[in-house]
Amino acid sequence: MSDEIRDELPDDLNPAGFVGAYMFPDNSRRRWPGVIYLVLAALCVLVRLGFADSPIVNDGWYFAAGILVFAGVFSITSGWRMTVDEKEALVKAQQAVGFAVGHASAQQVWRGFRSRPTWRVLCYSAEEPPKDRGLVLVDALDGSIVEQLVEANPD
């Protein structure tokens, strides 16, 4: 049926039209929502204080302000500025595993309560088929190796 509605990706998410290197967004973007949460918390307190006689406004506004303050502070303190990009993480991972890397991929992940950005790098040795593989966690703030695992490739 030609009138059938089908899902499709928007143009900006369609990988077929993508040209160039992908730039991972910086985690410091989390700070802006944190500021917005704090402004909304202040507005909640002002509404509660300004309309104390209203039957609609009660102490729930303070409760909402408290939740917004918590979310705002968490967003601001977890908005780390990344100094290590995925290319640098791949180089550090190759140095950590101790073998010449053929295929490798980097994925941005977060660890800890404050969501510290970390690169998870999976790499295979350069032989065909690869003899070794490694998984390396590289801190995206200072480039230190958080963890590493190297083993023979079972495939």
N, C-alpha and C. Protein backbone atom coordinates (compact mmCIF):
# COMPACT_ATOMS: atom_id res chain seq x y z
N MET A 1 0.84 -1.16 0.00
CA MET A 1 0.00 0.00 0.00
C MET A 1 0.90 1.24 0.00
N SER A 2 0.73 2.14 -0.93
CA SER A 2 1.60 3.30 -1.07
C SER A 2 1.29 4.39 -0.05
N ASP A 3 0.12 4.37 0.58
CA ASP A 3 -0.25 5.38 1.57
C ASP A 3 0.22 5.01 2.98
N GLU A 4 0.93 3.91 3.10
CA GLU A 4 1.37 3.44 4.41
C GLU A 4 2.39 4.41 5.00
N ILE A 5 2.23 4.75 6.26
CA ILE A 5 3.16 5.64 6.96
C ILE A 5 4.31 4.80 7.48
N ARG A 6 5.52 5.25 7.19
CA ARG A 6 6.71 4.52 7.62
C ARG A 6 7.61 5.46 8.41
N ASP A 7 8.26 4.91 9.42
CA ASP A 7 9.22 5.69 10.20
C ASP A 7 10.48 5.90 9.38
N GLU A 8 11.05 7.08 9.54
CA GLU A 8 12.34 7.33 8.91
C GLU A 8 13.11 8.31 9.78
N LEU A 9 14.43 8.24 9.65
CA LEU A 9 15.29 9.12 10.43
C LEU A 9 15.23 10.54 9.91
N PRO A 10 15.33 11.52 10.82
CA PRO A 10 15.45 12.90 10.34
C PRO A 10 16.78 13.07 9.60
N ASP A 11 16.88 14.07 8.78
CA ASP A 11 18.06 14.28 7.95
C ASP A 11 19.34 14.41 8.77
N ASP A 12 19.27 15.07 9.92
CA ASP A 12 20.49 15.27 10.71
C ASP A 12 20.97 13.99 11.40
N LEU A 13 20.15 12.94 11.45
CA LEU A 13 20.55 11.67 12.04
C LEU A 13 20.81 10.58 11.00
N ASN A 14 20.60 10.88 9.75
CA ASN A 14 20.78 9.90 8.69
C ASN A 14 22.27 9.72 8.40
N PRO A 15 22.84 8.53 8.67
CA PRO A 15 24.28 8.34 8.46
C PRO A 15 24.67 8.35 6.99
N ALA A 16 23.74 8.13 6.07
CA ALA A 16 24.08 8.11 4.65
C ALA A 16 24.52 9.49 4.16
N GLY A 17 24.00 10.54 4.76
CA GLY A 17 24.36 11.88 4.33
C GLY A 17 25.49 12.49 5.13
N PHE A 18 26.14 11.71 6.00
CA PHE A 18 27.17 12.24 6.88
C PHE A 18 28.51 12.28 6.17
N VAL A 19 29.20 13.41 6.30
CA VAL A 19 30.53 13.57 5.73
C VAL A 19 31.44 14.17 6.79
N GLY A 20 32.61 13.58 7.00
CA GLY A 20 33.57 14.13 7.93
C GLY A 20 33.64 13.36 9.24
N ALA A 21 34.54 13.82 10.09
CA ALA A 21 34.76 13.17 11.38
C ALA A 21 33.69 13.62 12.37
N TYR A 22 33.22 12.67 13.16
CA TYR A 22 32.20 12.98 14.17
C TYR A 22 32.89 13.57 15.39
N MET A 23 32.33 14.63 15.92
CA MET A 23 32.85 15.26 17.14
C MET A 23 31.92 14.91 18.30
N PHE A 24 32.45 14.23 19.31
CA PHE A 24 31.65 13.93 20.49
C PHE A 24 31.37 15.22 21.24
N PRO A 25 30.15 15.42 21.71
CA PRO A 25 29.85 16.64 22.47
C PRO A 25 30.56 16.60 23.83
N ASP A 26 30.94 17.77 24.29
CA ASP A 26 31.63 17.90 25.57
C ASP A 26 30.61 17.81 26.71
N ASN A 27 31.01 17.15 27.79
CA ASN A 27 30.11 16.99 28.94
C ASN A 27 29.83 18.28 29.67
N SER A 28 30.59 19.33 29.39
CA SER A 28 30.36 20.59 30.09
C SER A 28 29.02 21.21 29.69
N ARG A 29 28.38 20.66 28.65
CA ARG A 29 27.05 21.13 28.27
C ARG A 29 26.03 20.86 29.36
N ARG A 30 26.33 19.97 30.29
CA ARG A 30 25.42 19.66 31.39
C ARG A 30 25.24 20.83 32.35
N ARG A 31 26.15 21.78 32.30
CA ARG A 31 26.08 22.90 33.24
C ARG A 31 24.89 23.81 32.95
N TRP A 32 24.54 23.98 31.68
CA TRP A 32 23.41 24.87 31.33
C TRP A 32 22.09 24.38 31.89
N PRO A 33 21.73 23.11 31.74
CA PRO A 33 20.49 22.65 32.39
C PRO A 33 20.55 22.83 33.90
N GLY A 34 21.73 22.66 34.50
CA GLY A 34 21.87 22.86 35.94
C GLY A 34 21.53 24.28 36.35
N VAL A 35 21.99 25.24 35.57
CA VAL A 35 21.66 26.65 35.86
C VAL A 35 20.16 26.87 35.71
N ILE A 36 19.57 26.28 34.70
CA ILE A 36 18.11 26.43 34.50
C ILE A 36 17.35 25.83 35.68
N TYR A 37 17.79 24.67 36.17
CA TYR A 37 17.13 24.05 37.33
C TYR A 37 17.21 24.97 38.55
N LEU A 38 18.37 25.60 38.76
CA LEU A 38 18.52 26.49 39.91
C LEU A 38 17.63 27.73 39.79
N VAL A 39 17.50 28.26 38.59
CA VAL A 39 16.61 29.41 38.37
C VAL A 39 15.16 29.01 38.64
N LEU A 40 14.77 27.83 38.15
CA LEU A 40 13.40 27.36 38.41
C LEU A 40 13.16 27.12 39.90
N ALA A 41 14.18 26.64 40.61
CA ALA A 41 14.05 26.46 42.07
C ALA A 41 13.83 27.80 42.75
N ALA A 42 14.57 28.81 42.33
CA ALA A 42 14.39 30.15 42.91
C ALA A 42 12.99 30.68 42.61
N LEU A 43 12.49 30.43 41.41
CA LEU A 43 11.13 30.86 41.07
C LEU A 43 10.09 30.15 41.93
N CYS A 44 10.30 28.87 42.21
CA CYS A 44 9.38 28.13 43.08
C CYS A 44 9.33 28.74 44.47
N VAL A 45 10.49 29.09 45.00
CA VAL A 45 10.53 29.72 46.33
C VAL A 45 9.83 31.07 46.29
N LEU A 46 10.08 31.85 45.24
CA LEU A 46 9.44 33.16 45.13
C LEU A 46 7.92 33.05 45.01
N VAL A 47 7.45 32.07 44.25
CA VAL A 47 6.01 31.86 44.14
C VAL A 47 5.43 31.49 45.50
N ARG A 48 6.12 30.61 46.23
CA ARG A 48 5.61 30.20 47.55
C ARG A 48 5.56 31.39 48.50
N LEU A 49 6.61 32.21 48.49
CA LEU A 49 6.64 33.37 49.39
C LEU A 49 5.69 34.47 48.95
N GLY A 50 5.55 34.65 47.63
CA GLY A 50 4.72 35.73 47.11
C GLY A 50 3.24 35.45 47.15
N PHE A 51 2.85 34.18 47.08
CA PHE A 51 1.43 33.83 47.04
C PHE A 51 1.08 32.90 48.21
N ALA A 52 1.55 33.24 49.38
CA ALA A 52 1.34 32.38 50.56
C ALA A 52 -0.14 32.27 50.93
N ASP A 53 -0.95 33.27 50.57
CA ASP A 53 -2.37 33.25 50.92
C ASP A 53 -3.21 32.43 49.94
N SER A 54 -2.65 32.06 48.82
CA SER A 54 -3.41 31.35 47.79
C SER A 54 -3.69 29.91 48.21
N PRO A 55 -4.89 29.41 47.90
CA PRO A 55 -5.18 28.01 48.22
C PRO A 55 -4.44 27.03 47.31
N ILE A 56 -3.92 27.52 46.19
CA ILE A 56 -3.20 26.64 45.24
C ILE A 56 -1.74 26.49 45.63
N VAL A 57 -1.17 27.50 46.25
CA VAL A 57 0.25 27.49 46.60
C VAL A 57 0.40 26.99 48.03
N ASN A 58 1.18 25.90 48.19
CA ASN A 58 1.42 25.34 49.51
C ASN A 58 2.91 24.98 49.64
N ASP A 59 3.26 24.21 50.67
CA ASP A 59 4.66 23.88 50.91
C ASP A 59 5.23 22.90 49.88
N GLY A 60 4.40 22.37 49.03
CA GLY A 60 4.90 21.53 47.94
C GLY A 60 5.82 22.29 47.01
N TRP A 61 5.66 23.60 46.94
CA TRP A 61 6.56 24.42 46.13
C TRP A 61 7.97 24.39 46.70
N TYR A 62 8.11 24.33 48.02
CA TYR A 62 9.43 24.19 48.63
C TYR A 62 10.03 22.82 48.30
N PHE A 63 9.18 21.80 48.33
CA PHE A 63 9.65 20.46 48.00
C PHE A 63 10.16 20.41 46.56
N ALA A 64 9.40 21.00 45.63
CA ALA A 64 9.83 21.05 44.23
C ALA A 64 11.12 21.84 44.08
N ALA A 65 11.25 22.93 44.83
CA ALA A 65 12.48 23.72 44.79
C ALA A 65 13.67 22.90 45.27
N GLY A 66 13.46 22.11 46.31
CA GLY A 66 14.54 21.25 46.83
C GLY A 66 15.01 20.24 45.80
N ILE A 67 14.05 19.61 45.12
CA ILE A 67 14.41 18.64 44.08
C ILE A 67 15.16 19.33 42.94
N LEU A 68 14.70 20.50 42.54
CA LEU A 68 15.36 21.25 41.47
C LEU A 68 16.76 21.70 41.88
N VAL A 69 16.94 22.09 43.13
CA VAL A 69 18.28 22.47 43.60
C VAL A 69 19.21 21.26 43.55
N PHE A 70 18.74 20.10 44.01
CA PHE A 70 19.57 18.89 43.94
C PHE A 70 19.95 18.58 42.50
N ALA A 71 18.98 18.60 41.60
CA ALA A 71 19.26 18.30 40.18
C ALA A 71 20.20 19.34 39.58
N GLY A 72 20.03 20.61 39.95
CA GLY A 72 20.88 21.66 39.42
C GLY A 72 22.32 21.52 39.88
N VAL A 73 22.51 21.29 41.17
CA VAL A 73 23.87 21.13 41.70
C VAL A 73 24.52 19.89 41.11
N PHE A 74 23.76 18.80 40.99
CA PHE A 74 24.32 17.58 40.39
C PHE A 74 24.72 17.84 38.94
N SER A 75 23.88 18.52 38.18
CA SER A 75 24.20 18.79 36.77
C SER A 75 25.43 19.68 36.63
N ILE A 76 25.54 20.67 37.48
CA ILE A 76 26.69 21.58 37.39
C ILE A 76 27.98 20.87 37.81
N THR A 77 27.92 20.09 38.89
CA THR A 77 29.14 19.43 39.36
C THR A 77 29.54 18.23 38.51
N SER A 78 28.64 17.69 37.72
CA SER A 78 28.99 16.57 36.83
C SER A 78 29.24 17.05 35.40
N GLY A 79 29.29 18.35 35.19
CA GLY A 79 29.56 18.90 33.86
C GLY A 79 31.05 19.05 33.62
N TRP A 80 31.75 17.93 33.57
CA TRP A 80 33.20 17.92 33.39
C TRP A 80 33.58 18.42 31.99
N ARG A 81 34.67 19.16 31.90
CA ARG A 81 35.21 19.56 30.59
C ARG A 81 36.23 18.51 30.17
N MET A 82 35.94 17.84 29.06
CA MET A 82 36.82 16.78 28.57
C MET A 82 38.03 17.38 27.86
N THR A 83 39.21 16.84 28.18
CA THR A 83 40.44 17.31 27.54
C THR A 83 41.04 16.25 26.62
N VAL A 84 40.54 15.03 26.70
CA VAL A 84 41.05 13.93 25.87
C VAL A 84 39.94 13.51 24.92
N ASP A 85 40.22 13.59 23.60
CA ASP A 85 39.21 13.16 22.63
C ASP A 85 39.43 11.68 22.29
N GLU A 86 38.57 11.15 21.41
CA GLU A 86 38.62 9.71 21.12
C GLU A 86 39.91 9.31 20.42
N LYS A 87 40.51 10.19 19.63
CA LYS A 87 41.77 9.86 18.94
C LYS A 87 42.91 9.72 19.95
N GLU A 88 42.96 10.64 20.91
CA GLU A 88 43.98 10.54 21.96
C GLU A 88 43.75 9.29 22.81
N ALA A 89 42.49 8.96 23.07
CA ALA A 89 42.18 7.76 23.85
C ALA A 89 42.65 6.50 23.12
N LEU A 90 42.49 6.47 21.80
CA LEU A 90 42.97 5.32 21.02
C LEU A 90 44.48 5.18 21.11
N VAL A 91 45.20 6.29 21.07
CA VAL A 91 46.66 6.26 21.19
C VAL A 91 47.07 5.76 22.57
N LYS A 92 46.44 6.29 23.62
CA LYS A 92 46.76 5.85 24.98
C LYS A 92 46.43 4.38 25.19
N ALA A 93 45.33 3.92 24.58
CA ALA A 93 44.97 2.51 24.70
C ALA A 93 46.00 1.62 24.01
N GLN A 94 46.49 2.05 22.86
CA GLN A 94 47.51 1.26 22.15
C GLN A 94 48.77 1.18 23.00
N GLN A 95 49.14 2.25 23.66
CA GLN A 95 50.32 2.22 24.53
C GLN A 95 50.10 1.29 25.72
N ALA A 96 48.87 1.21 26.20
CA ALA A 96 48.58 0.41 27.39
C ALA A 96 48.53 -1.09 27.10
N VAL A 97 48.03 -1.49 25.92
CA VAL A 97 47.87 -2.92 25.66
C VAL A 97 49.18 -3.60 25.30
N GLY A 98 50.14 -2.89 24.76
CA GLY A 98 51.44 -3.47 24.49
C GLY A 98 51.55 -4.26 23.20
N PHE A 99 50.60 -4.12 22.29
CA PHE A 99 50.72 -4.76 20.98
C PHE A 99 50.27 -3.77 19.91
N ALA A 100 50.70 -4.04 18.68
CA ALA A 100 50.29 -3.17 17.57
C ALA A 100 48.80 -3.37 17.31
N VAL A 101 48.07 -2.28 17.31
CA VAL A 101 46.62 -2.34 17.18
C VAL A 101 46.22 -2.24 15.72
N GLY A 102 45.33 -3.14 15.31
CA GLY A 102 44.75 -3.08 13.97
C GLY A 102 43.41 -2.35 14.04
N HIS A 103 42.35 -3.09 14.35
CA HIS A 103 41.02 -2.50 14.48
C HIS A 103 40.81 -2.05 15.93
N ALA A 104 40.16 -0.89 16.08
CA ALA A 104 39.86 -0.38 17.42
C ALA A 104 38.63 0.52 17.34
N SER A 105 37.94 0.64 18.46
CA SER A 105 36.81 1.56 18.54
C SER A 105 36.76 2.15 19.94
N ALA A 106 36.30 3.40 20.01
CA ALA A 106 36.19 4.09 21.29
C ALA A 106 34.74 4.47 21.53
N GLN A 107 34.32 4.31 22.76
CA GLN A 107 32.95 4.64 23.15
C GLN A 107 33.02 5.49 24.41
N GLN A 108 32.25 6.56 24.44
CA GLN A 108 32.23 7.41 25.62
C GLN A 108 31.25 6.84 26.64
N VAL A 109 31.74 6.65 27.87
CA VAL A 109 30.91 6.15 28.96
C VAL A 109 31.16 7.04 30.18
N TRP A 110 30.38 6.83 31.23
CA TRP A 110 30.53 7.62 32.45
C TRP A 110 30.68 6.67 33.61
N ARG A 111 31.46 7.10 34.62
CA ARG A 111 31.65 6.25 35.79
C ARG A 111 31.56 7.09 37.06
N GLY A 112 31.12 6.45 38.10
CA GLY A 112 31.03 7.10 39.39
C GLY A 112 29.75 7.89 39.57
N PHE A 113 29.55 8.36 40.79
CA PHE A 113 28.33 9.09 41.13
C PHE A 113 28.22 10.40 40.36
N ARG A 114 29.34 11.08 40.16
CA ARG A 114 29.31 12.37 39.47
C ARG A 114 29.54 12.22 37.97
N SER A 115 29.41 11.03 37.43
CA SER A 115 29.45 10.77 35.99
C SER A 115 30.72 11.30 35.33
N ARG A 116 31.86 10.84 35.78
CA ARG A 116 33.13 11.25 35.19
C ARG A 116 33.25 10.62 33.80
N PRO A 117 33.49 11.42 32.76
CA PRO A 117 33.56 10.86 31.41
C PRO A 117 34.81 10.00 31.21
N THR A 118 34.61 8.89 30.54
CA THR A 118 35.67 7.90 30.33
C THR A 118 35.51 7.34 28.93
N TRP A 119 36.64 7.06 28.29
CA TRP A 119 36.62 6.40 26.99
C TRP A 119 36.81 4.91 27.20
N ARG A 120 35.91 4.11 26.66
CA ARG A 120 36.04 2.66 26.67
C ARG A 120 36.55 2.27 25.28
N VAL A 121 37.78 1.75 25.23
CA VAL A 121 38.43 1.45 23.95
C VAL A 121 38.59 -0.06 23.83
N LEU A 122 38.02 -0.61 22.77
CA LEU A 122 38.17 -2.03 22.43
C LEU A 122 39.13 -2.10 21.25
N CYS A 123 40.18 -2.88 21.38
CA CYS A 123 41.17 -2.94 20.29
C CYS A 123 41.61 -4.38 20.05
N TYR A 124 41.94 -4.65 18.80
CA TYR A 124 42.42 -5.95 18.36
C TYR A 124 43.81 -5.79 17.77
N SER A 125 44.61 -6.84 17.88
CA SER A 125 45.97 -6.78 17.33
C SER A 125 45.91 -6.72 15.81
N ALA A 126 47.03 -6.32 15.21
CA ALA A 126 47.07 -6.03 13.78
C ALA A 126 47.15 -7.28 12.90
N GLU A 127 47.39 -8.46 13.48
CA GLU A 127 47.45 -9.68 12.65
C GLU A 127 46.08 -10.00 12.06
N GLU A 128 46.09 -10.84 11.03
CA GLU A 128 44.83 -11.25 10.41
C GLU A 128 44.76 -12.77 10.44
N PRO A 129 43.94 -13.40 11.21
CA PRO A 129 43.01 -12.85 12.19
C PRO A 129 43.76 -12.37 13.44
N PRO A 130 43.15 -11.47 14.20
CA PRO A 130 43.82 -10.91 15.38
C PRO A 130 44.11 -11.98 16.43
N LYS A 131 45.33 -11.95 16.99
CA LYS A 131 45.70 -12.92 18.02
C LYS A 131 45.31 -12.42 19.42
N ASP A 132 45.34 -11.12 19.61
CA ASP A 132 45.06 -10.54 20.92
C ASP A 132 43.96 -9.49 20.82
N ARG A 133 43.33 -9.25 21.97
CA ARG A 133 42.36 -8.16 22.06
C ARG A 133 42.51 -7.51 23.43
N GLY A 134 42.10 -6.26 23.49
CA GLY A 134 42.22 -5.54 24.75
C GLY A 134 41.06 -4.60 24.96
N LEU A 135 40.74 -4.37 26.22
CA LEU A 135 39.72 -3.40 26.62
C LEU A 135 40.40 -2.45 27.59
N VAL A 136 40.37 -1.16 27.25
CA VAL A 136 41.06 -0.16 28.06
C VAL A 136 40.09 0.97 28.38
N LEU A 137 40.05 1.38 29.65
CA LEU A 137 39.27 2.54 30.06
C LEU A 137 40.24 3.70 30.26
N VAL A 138 40.02 4.77 29.48
CA VAL A 138 40.89 5.95 29.52
C VAL A 138 40.08 7.11 30.07
N ASP A 139 40.58 7.75 31.12
CA ASP A 139 39.91 8.90 31.71
C ASP A 139 39.90 10.04 30.70
N ALA A 140 38.74 10.63 30.43
CA ALA A 140 38.61 11.68 29.42
C ALA A 140 39.03 13.05 29.95
N LEU A 141 39.37 13.15 31.23
CA LEU A 141 39.81 14.42 31.78
C LEU A 141 41.32 14.56 31.79
N ASP A 142 42.01 13.51 32.23
CA ASP A 142 43.47 13.62 32.32
C ASP A 142 44.22 12.59 31.48
N GLY A 143 43.52 11.68 30.82
CA GLY A 143 44.16 10.70 29.95
C GLY A 143 44.77 9.52 30.67
N SER A 144 44.55 9.39 31.96
CA SER A 144 45.12 8.26 32.69
C SER A 144 44.36 6.97 32.35
N ILE A 145 45.06 5.87 32.50
CA ILE A 145 44.45 4.55 32.26
C ILE A 145 43.74 4.14 33.55
N VAL A 146 42.43 3.97 33.48
CA VAL A 146 41.64 3.60 34.65
C VAL A 146 41.72 2.09 34.86
N GLU A 147 41.49 1.34 33.79
CA GLU A 147 41.56 -0.12 33.84
C GLU A 147 41.99 -0.63 32.48
N GLN A 148 42.53 -1.83 32.46
CA GLN A 148 42.87 -2.46 31.19
C GLN A 148 42.79 -3.98 31.33
N LEU A 149 42.43 -4.61 30.25
CA LEU A 149 42.35 -6.06 30.19
C LEU A 149 42.87 -6.48 28.83
N VAL A 150 43.84 -7.36 28.81
CA VAL A 150 44.39 -7.88 27.56
C VAL A 150 44.32 -9.40 27.63
N GLU A 151 43.83 -10.02 26.55
CA GLU A 151 43.72 -11.46 26.50
C GLU A 151 43.88 -11.95 25.07
N ALA A 152 44.11 -13.24 24.93
CA ALA A 152 44.17 -13.84 23.60
C ALA A 152 42.78 -13.82 23.00
N ASN A 153 42.69 -13.53 21.71
CA ASN A 153 41.40 -13.47 21.03
C ASN A 153 40.89 -14.89 20.82
N PRO A 154 39.72 -15.24 21.38
CA PRO A 154 39.22 -16.61 21.26
C PRO A 154 38.67 -16.94 19.88
N ASP A 155 38.45 -15.97 19.03
CA ASP A 155 37.86 -16.23 17.72
C ASP A 155 38.86 -16.74 16.73
